Amino acid sequence: MKRTIIGLICALVTPLAFAQTSTTTTEETTTTNKPTTTTDTTTTTTYTAGAVTTYEPGKTVVVKSDEGPVSFALGTAARIVNGAGKVVTAPLRAGQKVRVYYTGPTEHRTVERVIVED
């Protein structure tokens, strides 16, 4: 009887001695999304028409319009084209009729294109 009791105790204790403990780690993360802000800007393109008075290739063009002489700084993005839209390779001449399309206020005008009307 002692042997049976000792055998039963051993049988009950053995699984506990070899039992594995498991650890569960839970990590909680939160993500906050910043609100996206979009700004719609409207740019209007205006033009000044008149005759060229002075022209420095890649720098400036001065056009005599109804309001008087208007000076424009030419950037690298400014294109000089004819009425058909083809690029003009010859330099502008004094007296040549043009339309200078630009964006921005008077002090920060950005010339987009110059159309030669002759």
PDB file of N, CA and C in Angstrom:
ATOM      1  N   MET A   1       0.810  -1.161   0.000  1.00  0.00           N
ATOM      2  CA  MET A   1       0.000   0.000   0.000  1.00  0.00           C
ATOM      3  C   MET A   1       0.873   1.250   0.000  1.00  0.00           C
ATOM      4  N   LYS A   2       1.965   1.243   0.730  1.00  0.00           N
ATOM      5  CA  LYS A   2       2.868   2.373   0.705  1.00  0.00           C
ATOM      6  C   LYS A   2       3.406   2.580  -0.701  1.00  0.00           C
ATOM      7  N   ARG A   3       3.705   1.486  -1.343  1.00  0.00           N
ATOM      8  CA  ARG A   3       4.230   1.608  -2.698  1.00  0.00           C
ATOM      9  C   ARG A   3       3.189   2.202  -3.636  1.00  0.00           C
ATOM     10  N   THR A   4       2.001   1.879  -3.495  1.00  0.00           N
ATOM     11  CA  THR A   4       0.933   2.386  -4.346  1.00  0.00           C
ATOM     12  C   THR A   4       0.741   3.873  -4.091  1.00  0.00           C
ATOM     13  N   ILE A   5       0.777   4.263  -2.853  1.00  0.00           N
ATOM     14  CA  ILE A   5       0.604   5.683  -2.509  1.00  0.00           C
ATOM     15  C   ILE A   5       1.798   6.480  -3.028  1.00  0.00           C
ATOM     16  N   ILE A   6       2.992   5.961  -2.852  1.00  0.00           N
ATOM     17  CA  ILE A   6       4.190   6.644  -3.331  1.00  0.00           C
ATOM     18  C   ILE A   6       4.157   6.694  -4.856  1.00  0.00           C
ATOM     19  N   GLY A   7       3.724   5.661  -5.527  1.00  0.00           N
ATOM     20  CA  GLY A   7       3.616   5.637  -6.985  1.00  0.00           C
ATOM     21  C   GLY A   7       2.616   6.662  -7.487  1.00  0.00           C
ATOM     22  N   LEU A   8       1.479   6.772  -6.793  1.00  0.00           N
ATOM     23  CA  LEU A   8       0.467   7.765  -7.173  1.00  0.00           C
ATOM     24  C   LEU A   8       0.980   9.190  -6.947  1.00  0.00           C
ATOM     25  N   ILE A   9       1.677   9.412  -5.880  1.00  0.00           N
ATOM     26  CA  ILE A   9       2.224  10.745  -5.597  1.00  0.00           C
ATOM     27  C   ILE A   9       3.258  11.103  -6.667  1.00  0.00           C
ATOM     28  N   CYS A  10       4.116  10.150  -7.002  1.00  0.00           N
ATOM     29  CA  CYS A  10       5.115  10.383  -8.042  1.00  0.00           C
ATOM     30  C   CYS A  10       4.435  10.657  -9.382  1.00  0.00           C
ATOM     31  N   ALA A  11       3.390   9.918  -9.663  1.00  0.00           N
ATOM     32  CA  ALA A  11       2.676  10.097 -10.918  1.00  0.00           C
ATOM     33  C   ALA A  11       2.012  11.476 -10.965  1.00  0.00           C
ATOM     34  N   LEU A  12       1.572  11.987  -9.856  1.00  0.00           N
ATOM     35  CA  LEU A  12       0.940  13.306  -9.807  1.00  0.00           C
ATOM     36  C   LEU A  12       1.972  14.434  -9.801  1.00  0.00           C
ATOM     37  N   VAL A  13       3.116  14.255  -9.194  1.00  0.00           N
ATOM     38  CA  VAL A  13       4.132  15.301  -9.051  1.00  0.00           C
ATOM     39  C   VAL A  13       4.992  15.399 -10.306  1.00  0.00           C
ATOM     40  N   THR A  14       5.225  14.313 -10.999  1.00  0.00           N
ATOM     41  CA  THR A  14       6.104  14.298 -12.162  1.00  0.00           C
ATOM     42  C   THR A  14       5.666  15.287 -13.240  1.00  0.00           C
ATOM     43  N   PRO A  15       4.431  15.351 -13.672  1.00  0.00           N
ATOM     44  CA  PRO A  15       4.053  16.336 -14.695  1.00  0.00           C
ATOM     45  C   PRO A  15       4.288  17.778 -14.232  1.00  0.00           C
ATOM     46  N   LEU A  16       4.134  18.024 -12.958  1.00  0.00           N
ATOM     47  CA  LEU A  16       4.362  19.371 -12.447  1.00  0.00           C
ATOM     48  C   LEU A  16       5.846  19.729 -12.483  1.00  0.00           C
ATOM     49  N   ALA A  17       6.710  18.776 -12.264  1.00  0.00           N
ATOM     50  CA  ALA A  17       8.147  19.021 -12.260  1.00  0.00           C
ATOM     51  C   ALA A  17       8.655  19.311 -13.670  1.00  0.00           C
ATOM     52  N   PHE A  18       8.085  18.675 -14.677  1.00  0.00           N
ATOM     53  CA  PHE A  18       8.539  18.868 -16.050  1.00  0.00           C
ATOM     54  C   PHE A  18       7.655  19.831 -16.848  1.00  0.00           C
ATOM     55  N   ALA A  19       6.725  20.467 -16.191  1.00  0.00           N
ATOM     56  CA  ALA A  19       5.821  21.390 -16.896  1.00  0.00           C
ATOM     57  C   ALA A  19       6.571  22.653 -17.309  1.00  0.00           C
ATOM     58  N   GLN A  20       6.229  23.161 -18.504  1.00  0.00           N
ATOM     59  CA  GLN A  20       6.851  24.387 -18.989  1.00  0.00           C
ATOM     60  C   GLN A  20       5.905  25.554 -18.728  1.00  0.00           C
ATOM     61  N   THR A  21       6.506  26.638 -18.360  1.00  0.00           N
ATOM     62  CA  THR A  21       5.702  27.834 -18.167  1.00  0.00           C
ATOM     63  C   THR A  21       5.835  28.680 -19.427  1.00  0.00           C
ATOM     64  N   SER A  22       4.799  29.281 -19.842  1.00  0.00           N
ATOM     65  CA  SER A  22       4.852  30.127 -21.025  1.00  0.00           C
ATOM     66  C   SER A  22       4.537  31.562 -20.625  1.00  0.00           C
ATOM     67  N   THR A  23       5.216  32.472 -21.291  1.00  0.00           N
ATOM     68  CA  THR A  23       5.019  33.882 -21.016  1.00  0.00           C
ATOM     69  C   THR A  23       4.491  34.535 -22.293  1.00  0.00           C
ATOM     70  N   THR A  24       3.445  35.245 -22.168  1.00  0.00           N
ATOM     71  CA  THR A  24       2.879  35.956 -23.300  1.00  0.00           C
ATOM     72  C   THR A  24       3.106  37.439 -23.091  1.00  0.00           C
ATOM     73  N   THR A  25       3.765  38.053 -24.073  1.00  0.00           N
ATOM     74  CA  THR A  25       4.012  39.491 -23.996  1.00  0.00           C
ATOM     75  C   THR A  25       3.132  40.171 -25.025  1.00  0.00           C
ATOM     76  N   THR A  26       2.378  41.108 -24.574  1.00  0.00           N
ATOM     77  CA  THR A  26       1.505  41.864 -25.466  1.00  0.00           C
ATOM     78  C   THR A  26       2.010  43.296 -25.514  1.00  0.00           C
ATOM     79  N   GLU A  27       2.264  43.745 -26.720  1.00  0.00           N
ATOM     80  CA  GLU A  27       2.730  45.115 -26.906  1.00  0.00           C
ATOM     81  C   GLU A  27       1.635  45.899 -27.601  1.00  0.00           C
ATOM     82  N   GLU A  28       1.245  46.978 -26.997  1.00  0.00           N
ATOM     83  CA  GLU A  28       0.177  47.783 -27.555  1.00  0.00           C
ATOM     84  C   GLU A  28       0.797  49.023 -28.187  1.00  0.00           C
ATOM     85  N   THR A  29       0.490  49.230 -29.450  1.00  0.00           N
ATOM     86  CA  THR A  29       0.991  50.420 -30.135  1.00  0.00           C
ATOM     87  C   THR A  29      -0.194  51.235 -30.627  1.00  0.00           C
ATOM     88  N   THR A  30      -0.006  52.515 -30.562  1.00  0.00           N
ATOM     89  CA  THR A  30      -1.044  53.402 -31.076  1.00  0.00           C
ATOM     90  C   THR A  30      -0.426  54.272 -32.156  1.00  0.00           C
ATOM     91  N   THR A  31      -1.176  54.492 -33.185  1.00  0.00           N
ATOM     92  CA  THR A  31      -0.725  55.325 -34.290  1.00  0.00           C
ATOM     93  C   THR A  31      -1.652  56.523 -34.396  1.00  0.00           C
ATOM     94  N   THR A  32      -1.038  57.673 -34.427  1.00  0.00           N
ATOM     95  CA  THR A  32      -1.854  58.868 -34.599  1.00  0.00           C
ATOM     96  C   THR A  32      -1.594  59.414 -35.978  1.00  0.00           C
ATOM     97  N   ASN A  33      -2.631  59.641 -36.697  1.00  0.00           N
ATOM     98  CA  ASN A  33      -2.522  60.203 -38.043  1.00  0.00           C
ATOM     99  C   ASN A  33      -2.710  61.704 -37.964  1.00  0.00           C
ATOM    100  N   LYS A  34      -1.723  62.426 -38.471  1.00  0.00           N
ATOM    101  CA  LYS A  34      -1.845  63.871 -38.506  1.00  0.00           C
ATOM    102  C   LYS A  34      -2.807  64.243 -39.625  1.00  0.00           C
ATOM    103  N   PRO A  35      -3.647  65.216 -39.383  1.00  0.00           N
ATOM    104  CA  PRO A  35      -4.574  65.603 -40.446  1.00  0.00           C
ATOM    105  C   PRO A  35      -3.809  66.183 -41.634  1.00  0.00           C
ATOM    106  N   THR A  36      -4.244  65.795 -42.809  1.00  0.00           N
ATOM    107  CA  THR A  36      -3.610  66.269 -44.029  1.00  0.00           C
ATOM    108  C   THR A  36      -4.246  67.586 -44.433  1.00  0.00           C
ATOM    109  N   THR A  37      -3.396  68.549 -44.672  1.00  0.00           N
ATOM    110  CA  THR A  37      -3.879  69.856 -45.076  1.00  0.00           C
ATOM    111  C   THR A  37      -3.513  70.074 -46.533  1.00  0.00           C
ATOM    112  N   THR A  38      -4.500  70.389 -47.331  1.00  0.00           N
ATOM    113  CA  THR A  38      -4.229  70.699 -48.730  1.00  0.00           C
ATOM    114  C   THR A  38      -4.614  72.144 -48.976  1.00  0.00           C
ATOM    115  N   THR A  39      -3.811  72.775 -49.785  1.00  0.00           N
ATOM    116  CA  THR A  39      -4.081  74.155 -50.126  1.00  0.00           C
ATOM    117  C   THR A  39      -4.205  74.254 -51.637  1.00  0.00           C
ATOM    118  N   ASP A  40      -5.318  74.770 -52.062  1.00  0.00           N
ATOM    119  CA  ASP A  40      -5.515  74.980 -53.491  1.00  0.00           C
ATOM    120  C   ASP A  40      -5.055  76.395 -53.827  1.00  0.00           C
ATOM    121  N   THR A  41      -4.152  76.488 -54.757  1.00  0.00           N
ATOM    122  CA  THR A  41      -3.716  77.803 -55.198  1.00  0.00           C
ATOM    123  C   THR A  41      -4.102  77.962 -56.658  1.00  0.00           C
ATOM    124  N   THR A  42      -4.569  79.108 -56.949  1.00  0.00           N
ATOM    125  CA  THR A  42      -4.964  79.409 -58.308  1.00  0.00           C
ATOM    126  C   THR A  42      -4.004  80.451 -58.857  1.00  0.00           C
ATOM    127  N   THR A  43      -3.375  80.115 -59.943  1.00  0.00           N
ATOM    128  CA  THR A  43      -2.493  81.068 -60.591  1.00  0.00           C
ATOM    129  C   THR A  43      -3.143  81.513 -61.887  1.00  0.00           C
ATOM    130  N   THR A  44      -3.142  82.785 -62.073  1.00  0.00           N
ATOM    131  CA  THR A  44      -3.701  83.315 -63.301  1.00  0.00           C
ATOM    132  C   THR A  44      -2.562  83.830 -64.163  1.00  0.00           C
ATOM    133  N   THR A  45      -2.671  83.544 -65.419  1.00  0.00           N
ATOM    134  CA  THR A  45      -1.671  84.003 -66.366  1.00  0.00           C
ATOM    135  C   THR A  45      -2.232  85.221 -67.080  1.00  0.00           C
ATOM    136  N   THR A  46      -1.487  86.293 -67.038  1.00  0.00           N
ATOM    137  CA  THR A  46      -1.889  87.507 -67.740  1.00  0.00           C
ATOM    138  C   THR A  46      -0.819  87.818 -68.775  1.00  0.00           C
ATOM    139  N   TYR A  47      -1.133  88.724 -69.645  1.00  0.00           N
ATOM    140  CA  TYR A  47      -0.146  89.077 -70.660  1.00  0.00           C
ATOM    141  C   TYR A  47      -0.134  90.577 -70.874  1.00  0.00           C
ATOM    142  N   THR A  48       0.982  91.009 -71.388  1.00  0.00           N
ATOM    143  CA  THR A  48       1.154  92.389 -71.821  1.00  0.00           C
ATOM    144  C   THR A  48       1.544  92.338 -73.291  1.00  0.00           C
ATOM    145  N   ALA A  49       0.832  93.109 -74.107  1.00  0.00           N
ATOM    146  CA  ALA A  49       1.128  93.147 -75.535  1.00  0.00           C
ATOM    147  C   ALA A  49       1.726  94.502 -75.882  1.00  0.00           C
ATOM    148  N   GLY A  50       2.672  94.465 -76.803  1.00  0.00           N
ATOM    149  CA  GLY A  50       3.291  95.705 -77.225  1.00  0.00           C
ATOM    150  C   GLY A  50       4.469  95.433 -78.128  1.00  0.00           C
ATOM    151  N   ALA A  51       5.290  96.476 -78.301  1.00  0.00           N
ATOM    152  CA  ALA A  51       6.466  96.375 -79.168  1.00  0.00           C
ATOM    153  C   ALA A  51       7.720  96.301 -78.302  1.00  0.00           C
ATOM    154  N   VAL A  52       8.652  95.469 -78.717  1.00  0.00           N
ATOM    155  CA  VAL A  52       9.913  95.311 -77.991  1.00  0.00           C
ATOM    156  C   VAL A  52      10.721  96.599 -78.135  1.00  0.00           C
ATOM    157  N   THR A  53      11.211  97.125 -77.007  1.00  0.00           N
ATOM    158  CA  THR A  53      12.111  98.279 -77.079  1.00  0.00           C
ATOM    159  C   THR A  53      13.554  97.838 -76.856  1.00  0.00           C
ATOM    160  N   THR A  54      13.782  96.986 -75.862  1.00  0.00           N
ATOM    161  CA  THR A  54      15.123  96.419 -75.655  1.00  0.00           C
ATOM    162  C   THR A  54      14.991  94.947 -75.305  1.00  0.00           C
ATOM    163  N   TYR A  55      16.029  94.191 -75.670  1.00  0.00           N
ATOM    164  CA  TYR A  55      16.022  92.750 -75.405  1.00  0.00           C
ATOM    165  C   TYR A  55      17.444  92.284 -75.124  1.00  0.00           C
ATOM    166  N   GLU A  56      17.624  91.621 -73.993  1.00  0.00           N
ATOM    167  CA  GLU A  56      18.883  90.970 -73.649  1.00  0.00           C
ATOM    168  C   GLU A  56      18.572  89.487 -73.510  1.00  0.00           C
ATOM    169  N   PRO A  57      19.054  88.645 -74.433  1.00  0.00           N
ATOM    170  CA  PRO A  57      18.718  87.219 -74.417  1.00  0.00           C
ATOM    171  C   PRO A  57      19.004  86.568 -73.056  1.00  0.00           C
ATOM    172  N   GLY A  58      17.981  85.882 -72.537  1.00  0.00           N
ATOM    173  CA  GLY A  58      18.111  85.173 -71.268  1.00  0.00           C
ATOM    174  C   GLY A  58      18.059  86.060 -70.043  1.00  0.00           C
ATOM    175  N   LYS A  59      17.961  87.386 -70.236  1.00  0.00           N
ATOM    176  CA  LYS A  59      17.958  88.294 -69.082  1.00  0.00           C
ATOM    177  C   LYS A  59      16.672  89.105 -68.986  1.00  0.00           C
ATOM    178  N   THR A  60      16.502  90.061 -69.899  1.00  0.00           N
ATOM    179  CA  THR A  60      15.338  90.942 -69.820  1.00  0.00           C
ATOM    180  C   THR A  60      14.788  91.268 -71.198  1.00  0.00           C
ATOM    181  N   VAL A  61      13.531  91.652 -71.177  1.00  0.00           N
ATOM    182  CA  VAL A  61      12.887  92.211 -72.355  1.00  0.00           C
ATOM    183  C   VAL A  61      12.017  93.370 -71.857  1.00  0.00           C
ATOM    184  N   VAL A  62      12.095  94.495 -72.577  1.00  0.00           N
ATOM    185  CA  VAL A  62      11.274  95.653 -72.237  1.00  0.00           C
ATOM    186  C   VAL A  62      10.283  95.834 -73.374  1.00  0.00           C
ATOM    187  N   VAL A  63       8.999  95.897 -73.002  1.00  0.00           N
ATOM    188  CA  VAL A  63       7.922  96.007 -73.978  1.00  0.00           C
ATOM    189  C   VAL A  63       7.204  97.330 -73.756  1.00  0.00           C
ATOM    190  N   LYS A  64       7.034  98.089 -74.836  1.00  0.00           N
ATOM    191  CA  LYS A  64       6.270  99.336 -74.765  1.00  0.00           C
ATOM    192  C   LYS A  64       4.817  98.991 -75.030  1.00  0.00           C
ATOM    193  N   SER A  65       4.000  99.115 -73.991  1.00  0.00           N
ATOM    194  CA  SER A  65       2.575  98.777 -74.104  1.00  0.00           C
ATOM    195  C   SER A  65       1.755 100.044 -73.939  1.00  0.00           C
ATOM    196  N   ASP A  66       0.437  99.879 -73.857  1.00  0.00           N
ATOM    197  CA  ASP A  66      -0.462 101.025 -73.669  1.00  0.00           C
ATOM    198  C   ASP A  66      -0.196 101.723 -72.337  1.00  0.00           C
ATOM    199  N   GLU A  67       0.260 100.973 -71.334  1.00  0.00           N
ATOM    200  CA  GLU A  67       0.532 101.536 -70.007  1.00  0.00           C
ATOM    201  C   GLU A  67       1.918 102.173 -69.922  1.00  0.00           C
ATOM    202  N   GLY A  68       2.710 102.018 -70.956  1.00  0.00           N
ATOM    203  CA  GLY A  68       4.074 102.521 -70.949  1.00  0.00           C
ATOM    204  C   GLY A  68       5.050 101.356 -71.036  1.00  0.00           C
ATOM    205  N   PRO A  69       6.347 101.615 -70.867  1.00  0.00           N
ATOM    206  CA  PRO A  69       7.322 100.525 -70.948  1.00  0.00           C
ATOM    207  C   PRO A  69       7.229  99.607 -69.733  1.00  0.00           C
ATOM    208  N   VAL A  70       7.233  98.302 -70.007  1.00  0.00           N
ATOM    209  CA  VAL A  70       7.160  97.298 -68.940  1.00  0.00           C
ATOM    210  C   VAL A  70       8.362  96.377 -69.097  1.00  0.00           C
ATOM    211  N   SER A  71       9.098  96.193 -68.010  1.00  0.00           N
ATOM    212  CA  SER A  71      10.294  95.358 -68.034  1.00  0.00           C
ATOM    213  C   SER A  71       9.976  93.986 -67.458  1.00  0.00           C
ATOM    214  N   PHE A  72      10.502  92.954 -68.096  1.00  0.00           N
ATOM    215  CA  PHE A  72      10.305  91.582 -67.652  1.00  0.00           C
ATOM    216  C   PHE A  72      11.660  90.902 -67.523  1.00  0.00           C
ATOM    217  N   ALA A  73      11.856  90.180 -66.447  1.00  0.00           N
ATOM    218  CA  ALA A  73      13.061  89.359 -66.292  1.00  0.00           C
ATOM    219  C   ALA A  73      12.767  87.997 -66.883  1.00  0.00           C
ATOM    220  N   LEU A  74      13.639  87.541 -67.769  1.00  0.00           N
ATOM    221  CA  LEU A  74      13.449  86.241 -68.411  1.00  0.00           C
ATOM    222  C   LEU A  74      14.235  85.191 -67.636  1.00  0.00           C
ATOM    223  N   GLY A  75      13.564  84.149 -67.227  1.00  0.00           N
ATOM    224  CA  GLY A  75      14.242  83.044 -66.573  1.00  0.00           C
ATOM    225  C   GLY A  75      14.550  81.945 -67.567  1.00  0.00           C
ATOM    226  N   THR A  76      15.067  80.847 -67.072  1.00  0.00           N
ATOM    227  CA  THR A  76      15.402  79.726 -67.955  1.00  0.00           C
ATOM    228  C   THR A  76      14.154  79.011 -68.463  1.00  0.00           C
ATOM    229  N   ALA A  77      13.031  79.152 -67.764  1.00  0.00           N
ATOM    230  CA  ALA A  77      11.810  78.462 -68.171  1.00  0.00           C
ATOM    231  C   ALA A  77      11.019  79.237 -69.222  1.00  0.00           C
ATOM    232  N   ALA A  78      11.356  80.502 -69.451  1.00  0.00           N
ATOM    233  CA  ALA A  78      10.611  81.314 -70.417  1.00  0.00           C
ATOM    234  C   ALA A  78      10.914  80.838 -71.833  1.00  0.00           C
ATOM    235  N   ARG A  79       9.839  80.671 -72.624  1.00  0.00           N
ATOM    236  CA  ARG A  79       9.982  80.232 -74.026  1.00  0.00           C
ATOM    237  C   ARG A  79       9.578  81.369 -74.938  1.00  0.00           C
ATOM    238  N   ILE A  80      10.310  81.522 -76.022  1.00  0.00           N
ATOM    239  CA  ILE A  80       9.951  82.509 -77.045  1.00  0.00           C
ATOM    240  C   ILE A  80       9.487  81.722 -78.259  1.00  0.00           C
ATOM    241  N   VAL A  81       8.206  81.903 -78.609  1.00  0.00           N
ATOM    242  CA  VAL A  81       7.600  81.137 -79.697  1.00  0.00           C
ATOM    243  C   VAL A  81       6.898  82.074 -80.660  1.00  0.00           C
ATOM    244  N   ASN A  82       6.588  81.542 -81.860  1.00  0.00           N
ATOM    245  CA  ASN A  82       5.811  82.325 -82.820  1.00  0.00           C
ATOM    246  C   ASN A  82       4.326  82.008 -82.626  1.00  0.00           C
ATOM    247  N   GLY A  83       3.483  82.571 -83.468  1.00  0.00           N
ATOM    248  CA  GLY A  83       2.042  82.369 -83.341  1.00  0.00           C
ATOM    249  C   GLY A  83       1.607  80.926 -83.477  1.00  0.00           C
ATOM    250  N   ALA A  84       2.396  80.104 -84.195  1.00  0.00           N
ATOM    251  CA  ALA A  84       2.074  78.680 -84.371  1.00  0.00           C
ATOM    252  C   ALA A  84       2.575  77.830 -83.210  1.00  0.00           C
ATOM    253  N   GLY A  85       3.309  78.439 -82.278  1.00  0.00           N
ATOM    254  CA  GLY A  85       3.817  77.687 -81.130  1.00  0.00           C
ATOM    255  C   GLY A  85       5.199  77.101 -81.318  1.00  0.00           C
ATOM    256  N   LYS A  86       5.845  77.411 -82.451  1.00  0.00           N
ATOM    257  CA  LYS A  86       7.198  76.899 -82.700  1.00  0.00           C
ATOM    258  C   LYS A  86       8.227  77.841 -82.071  1.00  0.00           C
ATOM    259  N   VAL A  87       9.278  77.264 -81.537  1.00  0.00           N
ATOM    260  CA  VAL A  87      10.315  78.041 -80.854  1.00  0.00           C
ATOM    261  C   VAL A  87      11.032  78.952 -81.843  1.00  0.00           C
ATOM    262  N   VAL A  88      11.203  80.209 -81.433  1.00  0.00           N
ATOM    263  CA  VAL A  88      11.910  81.200 -82.247  1.00  0.00           C
ATOM    264  C   VAL A  88      13.369  81.203 -81.800  1.00  0.00           C
ATOM    265  N   THR A  89      14.270  80.979 -82.735  1.00  0.00           N
ATOM    266  CA  THR A  89      15.698  80.944 -82.388  1.00  0.00           C
ATOM    267  C   THR A  89      16.373  82.292 -82.599  1.00  0.00           C
ATOM    268  N   ALA A  90      15.828  83.131 -83.440  1.00  0.00           N
ATOM    269  CA  ALA A  90      16.413  84.456 -83.698  1.00  0.00           C
ATOM    270  C   ALA A  90      16.118  85.376 -82.515  1.00  0.00           C
ATOM    271  N   PRO A  91      17.045  86.251 -82.176  1.00  0.00           N
ATOM    272  CA  PRO A  91      16.796  87.184 -81.073  1.00  0.00           C
ATOM    273  C   PRO A  91      15.694  88.177 -81.434  1.00  0.00           C
ATOM    274  N   LEU A  92      15.007  88.654 -80.413  1.00  0.00           N
ATOM    275  CA  LEU A  92      13.957  89.641 -80.633  1.00  0.00           C
ATOM    276  C   LEU A  92      14.593  90.958 -81.084  1.00  0.00           C
ATOM    277  N   ARG A  93      13.888  91.681 -81.967  1.00  0.00           N
ATOM    278  CA  ARG A  93      14.369  92.957 -82.490  1.00  0.00           C
ATOM    279  C   ARG A  93      13.511  94.085 -81.934  1.00  0.00           C
ATOM    280  N   ALA A  94      14.093  95.249 -81.845  1.00  0.00           N
ATOM    281  CA  ALA A  94      13.344  96.429 -81.419  1.00  0.00           C
ATOM    282  C   ALA A  94      12.219  96.680 -82.413  1.00  0.00           C
ATOM    283  N   GLY A  95      11.035  96.979 -81.920  1.00  0.00           N
ATOM    284  CA  GLY A  95       9.873  97.241 -82.761  1.00  0.00           C
ATOM    285  C   GLY A  95       9.030  96.006 -83.052  1.00  0.00           C
ATOM    286  N   GLN A  96       9.529  94.826 -82.732  1.00  0.00           N
ATOM    287  CA  GLN A  96       8.782  93.582 -82.983  1.00  0.00           C
ATOM    288  C   GLN A  96       7.600  93.497 -82.012  1.00  0.00           C
ATOM    289  N   LYS A  97       6.427  93.135 -82.531  1.00  0.00           N
ATOM    290  CA  LYS A  97       5.235  93.029 -81.686  1.00  0.00           C
ATOM    291  C   LYS A  97       5.224  91.671 -80.981  1.00  0.00           C
ATOM    292  N   VAL A  98       4.997  91.717 -79.686  1.00  0.00           N
ATOM    293  CA  VAL A  98       5.007  90.494 -78.871  1.00  0.00           C
ATOM    294  C   VAL A  98       3.895  90.546 -77.832  1.00  0.00           C
ATOM    295  N   ARG A  99       3.599  89.373 -77.302  1.00  0.00           N
ATOM    296  CA  ARG A  99       2.741  89.226 -76.122  1.00  0.00           C
ATOM    297  C   ARG A  99       3.569  88.478 -75.089  1.00  0.00           C
ATOM    298  N   VAL A 100       3.724  89.058 -73.920  1.00  0.00           N
ATOM    299  CA  VAL A 100       4.503  88.440 -72.848  1.00  0.00           C
ATOM    300  C   VAL A 100       3.513  87.903 -71.822  1.00  0.00           C
ATOM    301  N   TYR A 101       3.447  86.577 -71.696  1.00  0.00           N
ATOM    302  CA  TYR A 101       2.561  85.932 -70.733  1.00  0.00           C
ATOM    303  C   TYR A 101       3.336  85.693 -69.443  1.00  0.00           C
ATOM    304  N   TYR A 102       2.759  86.132 -68.324  1.00  0.00           N
ATOM    305  CA  TYR A 102       3.453  86.006 -67.043  1.00  0.00           C
ATOM    306  C   TYR A 102       2.466  85.700 -65.926  1.00  0.00           C
ATOM    307  N   THR A 103       2.997  85.226 -64.805  1.00  0.00           N
ATOM    308  CA  THR A 103       2.194  84.976 -63.608  1.00  0.00           C
ATOM    309  C   THR A 103       2.808  85.760 -62.463  1.00  0.00           C
ATOM    310  N   GLY A 104       2.028  85.976 -61.435  1.00  0.00           N
ATOM    311  CA  GLY A 104       2.527  86.638 -60.235  1.00  0.00           C
ATOM    312  C   GLY A 104       2.252  88.129 -60.243  1.00  0.00           C
ATOM    313  N   PRO A 105       2.449  88.750 -59.081  1.00  0.00           N
ATOM    314  CA  PRO A 105       2.235  90.193 -58.972  1.00  0.00           C
ATOM    315  C   PRO A 105       3.346  90.965 -59.681  1.00  0.00           C
ATOM    316  N   THR A 106       3.154  92.244 -59.821  1.00  0.00           N
ATOM    317  CA  THR A 106       4.068  93.091 -60.589  1.00  0.00           C
ATOM    318  C   THR A 106       5.516  92.966 -60.130  1.00  0.00           C
ATOM    319  N   GLU A 107       5.760  92.942 -58.829  1.00  0.00           N
ATOM    320  CA  GLU A 107       7.140  92.892 -58.342  1.00  0.00           C
ATOM    321  C   GLU A 107       7.769  91.500 -58.422  1.00  0.00           C
ATOM    322  N   HIS A 108       6.961  90.471 -58.616  1.00  0.00           N
ATOM    323  CA  HIS A 108       7.476  89.093 -58.701  1.00  0.00           C
ATOM    324  C   HIS A 108       6.948  88.378 -59.944  1.00  0.00           C
ATOM    325  N   ARG A 109       6.940  89.044 -61.074  1.00  0.00           N
ATOM    326  CA  ARG A 109       6.433  88.440 -62.302  1.00  0.00           C
ATOM    327  C   ARG A 109       7.339  87.305 -62.758  1.00  0.00           C
ATOM    328  N   THR A 110       6.725  86.217 -63.174  1.00  0.00           N
ATOM    329  CA  THR A 110       7.455  85.083 -63.739  1.00  0.00           C
ATOM    330  C   THR A 110       6.985  84.906 -65.174  1.00  0.00           C
ATOM    331  N   VAL A 111       7.898  85.125 -66.115  1.00  0.00           N
ATOM    332  CA  VAL A 111       7.551  85.025 -67.531  1.00  0.00           C
ATOM    333  C   VAL A 111       7.451  83.547 -67.920  1.00  0.00           C
ATOM    334  N   GLU A 112       6.325  83.163 -68.498  1.00  0.00           N
ATOM    335  CA  GLU A 112       6.130  81.792 -68.959  1.00  0.00           C
ATOM    336  C   GLU A 112       6.492  81.661 -70.429  1.00  0.00           C
ATOM    337  N   ARG A 113       5.998  82.596 -71.242  1.00  0.00           N
ATOM    338  CA  ARG A 113       6.321  82.531 -72.667  1.00  0.00           C
ATOM    339  C   ARG A 113       6.142  83.903 -73.291  1.00  0.00           C
ATOM    340  N   VAL A 114       6.832  84.078 -74.400  1.00  0.00           N
ATOM    341  CA  VAL A 114       6.729  85.299 -75.194  1.00  0.00           C
ATOM    342  C   VAL A 114       6.295  84.850 -76.578  1.00  0.00           C
ATOM    343  N   ILE A 115       5.192  85.385 -77.056  1.00  0.00           N
ATOM    344  CA  ILE A 115       4.715  85.038 -78.400  1.00  0.00           C
ATOM    345  C   ILE A 115       5.019  86.208 -79.332  1.00  0.00           C
ATOM    346  N   VAL A 116       5.774  85.919 -80.377  1.00  0.00           N
ATOM    347  CA  VAL A 116       6.107  86.925 -81.391  1.00  0.00           C
ATOM    348  C   VAL A 116       4.960  86.982 -82.367  1.00  0.00           C
ATOM    349  N   GLU A 117       4.378  88.168 -82.570  1.00  0.00           N
ATOM    350  CA  GLU A 117       3.208  88.305 -83.429  1.00  0.00           C
ATOM    351  C   GLU A 117       3.563  88.617 -84.877  1.00  0.00           C
ATOM    352  N   ASP A 118       4.757  89.032 -85.154  1.00  0.00           N
ATOM    353  CA  ASP A 118       5.168  89.331 -86.551  1.00  0.00           C
ATOM    354  C   ASP A 118       5.485  88.068 -87.291  1.00  0.00           C
TER     355      ASP A 118
END
